[in-house]
Protein backbone atom coordinates (compact mmCIF):
# COMPACT_ATOMS: atom_id res chain seq x y z
CA VAL A 1 50.52 -121.57 -119.26
CA SER A 2 52.67 -121.46 -116.12
CA GLY A 3 53.83 -117.97 -114.92
CA ARG A 4 57.04 -119.53 -114.88
CA ARG A 5 57.22 -119.20 -118.47
CA VAL A 6 56.03 -115.96 -118.77
CA ALA A 7 58.17 -113.89 -118.63
CA LYS A 8 57.53 -110.31 -117.52
CA VAL A 9 59.59 -106.85 -117.75
CA VAL A 10 60.58 -104.57 -115.14
CA VAL A 11 62.55 -101.60 -116.00
CA VAL A 12 65.09 -100.17 -113.72
CA VAL A 13 66.90 -96.94 -113.76
CA VAL A 14 70.64 -96.94 -111.96
CA ALA A 15 72.46 -94.39 -110.60
CA GLY A 16 73.19 -92.15 -113.19
CA GLY A 17 70.07 -92.85 -115.30
CA SER A 18 71.00 -95.44 -116.80
CA PRO A 19 67.81 -97.89 -117.99
CA VAL A 20 68.43 -101.35 -117.32
CA MET A 21 65.25 -104.09 -118.43
CA LEU A 22 64.80 -107.05 -116.37
CA ALA A 23 63.55 -110.16 -117.54
CA LEU A 24 62.04 -112.48 -115.09
CA PRO A 25 59.28 -115.04 -114.17
CA ALA A 26 56.10 -113.70 -114.05
CA ASP A 27 55.46 -115.91 -110.78
CA ARG A 28 58.74 -114.11 -109.04
CA ARG A 29 59.71 -110.78 -107.57
CA VAL A 30 62.55 -108.67 -107.60
CA HIS A 31 64.78 -108.90 -104.32
CA TRP A 32 66.46 -105.29 -104.15
CA PRO A 33 69.20 -106.22 -102.08
CA SER A 34 70.19 -109.11 -104.61
CA LEU A 35 69.44 -106.31 -107.54
CA TYR A 36 71.91 -104.02 -106.26
CA THR A 37 74.45 -106.49 -105.60
CA VAL A 38 74.14 -107.55 -109.21
CA LEU A 39 74.46 -104.76 -110.52
CA GLY A 40 76.91 -103.34 -108.64
CA THR A 41 75.44 -99.89 -107.05
CA ASP A 42 73.19 -99.36 -104.55
CA ARG A 43 71.00 -97.20 -105.84
CA VAL A 44 68.36 -98.69 -108.25
CA ARG A 45 64.69 -97.67 -108.41
CA LEU A 46 61.92 -98.20 -110.60
CA ALA A 47 61.30 -96.39 -114.29
CA THR A 48 58.73 -93.68 -114.28
CA GLU A 49 56.15 -94.18 -117.23
CA THR A 50 57.26 -91.00 -118.61
CA GLU A 51 60.98 -92.36 -119.01
CA MET A 52 59.51 -95.81 -120.41
CA ALA A 53 57.58 -93.66 -123.00
CA GLY A 54 60.95 -92.00 -124.10
CA TRP A 55 62.91 -95.42 -123.79
CA PHE A 56 60.24 -97.53 -126.12
CA GLY A 57 58.71 -95.61 -128.06
CA ASP A 58 58.09 -97.92 -130.26
CA THR A 59 55.98 -100.47 -127.95
CA ALA A 60 52.94 -99.41 -125.65
CA LEU A 61 53.44 -98.98 -122.41
CA GLY A 62 53.89 -101.92 -120.15
CA ALA A 63 54.41 -104.35 -122.90
CA GLU A 64 57.80 -103.71 -123.93
CA PRO A 65 59.80 -107.39 -124.86
CA PRO A 66 62.41 -108.75 -123.24
CA LEU A 67 64.92 -108.31 -126.14
CA ARG A 68 68.19 -105.84 -126.97
CA HIS A 69 66.64 -103.88 -129.51
CA TRP A 70 66.97 -100.30 -127.80
CA LYS A 71 70.34 -98.58 -128.01
CA GLY A 72 71.71 -98.04 -124.28
CA VAL A 73 69.20 -100.84 -122.71
CA GLU A 74 71.23 -103.52 -120.69
CA LEU A 75 68.83 -106.71 -120.54
CA TRP A 76 69.55 -108.85 -117.68
CA MET A 77 67.72 -112.08 -117.22
CA ASP A 78 67.09 -113.69 -113.69
CA GLU A 79 68.41 -117.57 -113.55
CA SER A 80 65.15 -118.70 -112.46
CA LEU A 81 63.88 -117.93 -116.02
CA ARG A 82 65.80 -120.76 -117.02
CA THR A 83 63.62 -123.55 -118.98
CA GLY A 84 63.77 -126.49 -120.74
CA GLY A 85 60.64 -125.31 -122.90
CA ASP A 86 58.65 -122.71 -124.62
CA ILE A 87 58.50 -119.08 -122.65
CA VAL A 88 55.99 -116.69 -123.77
CA PHE A 89 56.86 -112.93 -123.48
CA PRO A 90 54.97 -109.51 -124.12
CA ALA A 91 55.50 -108.45 -128.43
CA GLY A 92 55.02 -104.68 -128.02
CA THR A 93 51.05 -104.44 -126.96
CA HIS A 94 49.08 -106.06 -124.22
CA GLU A 95 46.87 -108.00 -127.11
CA ASP A 96 50.10 -110.13 -128.43
CA GLY A 97 52.16 -111.83 -126.94
CA ILE A 98 55.16 -114.32 -128.61
CA ARG A 99 55.77 -118.26 -127.76
CA MET A 100 58.96 -120.07 -128.53
CA PRO A 101 61.87 -122.20 -127.24
CA PHE A 102 63.76 -120.78 -124.29
CA GLU A 103 66.82 -122.06 -126.05
CA ASP A 104 65.78 -119.60 -129.25
CA TRP A 105 64.96 -116.74 -127.21
CA LEU A 106 68.47 -116.86 -125.44
CA ARG A 107 70.31 -117.02 -128.18
CA LEU A 108 68.36 -113.89 -129.78
CA ALA A 109 68.20 -111.62 -126.32
CA GLU A 110 71.96 -112.31 -125.37
CA PRO A 111 70.72 -111.40 -121.87
CA TRP A 112 73.36 -110.71 -118.88
CA MET A 113 72.17 -113.26 -116.31
CA ALA A 114 72.20 -113.20 -112.28
CA SER A 115 70.25 -114.32 -109.35
CA PHE A 116 68.09 -111.72 -108.81
CA THR A 117 64.63 -112.81 -107.96
CA VAL A 118 62.41 -114.36 -104.93
């Protein structure tokens, strides 16, 4: 599967301690200046493993699926993830993945959308 069709999750914390889950293609990286603009703040940092274990305790650390499953966690999708075919993303473990049509995931996840990667 092309890295363009694999959705990876990056978890960040905005000023005040609010977690934000970012869904982006595995072959891209977060462009921090763009993310600051999207989130309307200049105080964003990567979440720590301890924070992630507290928020996403029902998944393996680093295998969080990009879904609106956790209360108080916003989900943002980078526009470059949009595709006409299937996407693949972690299923909550490091051994399992979910492959589904992008449009089905989009309807299920209902992410906020913006451009914040390079």
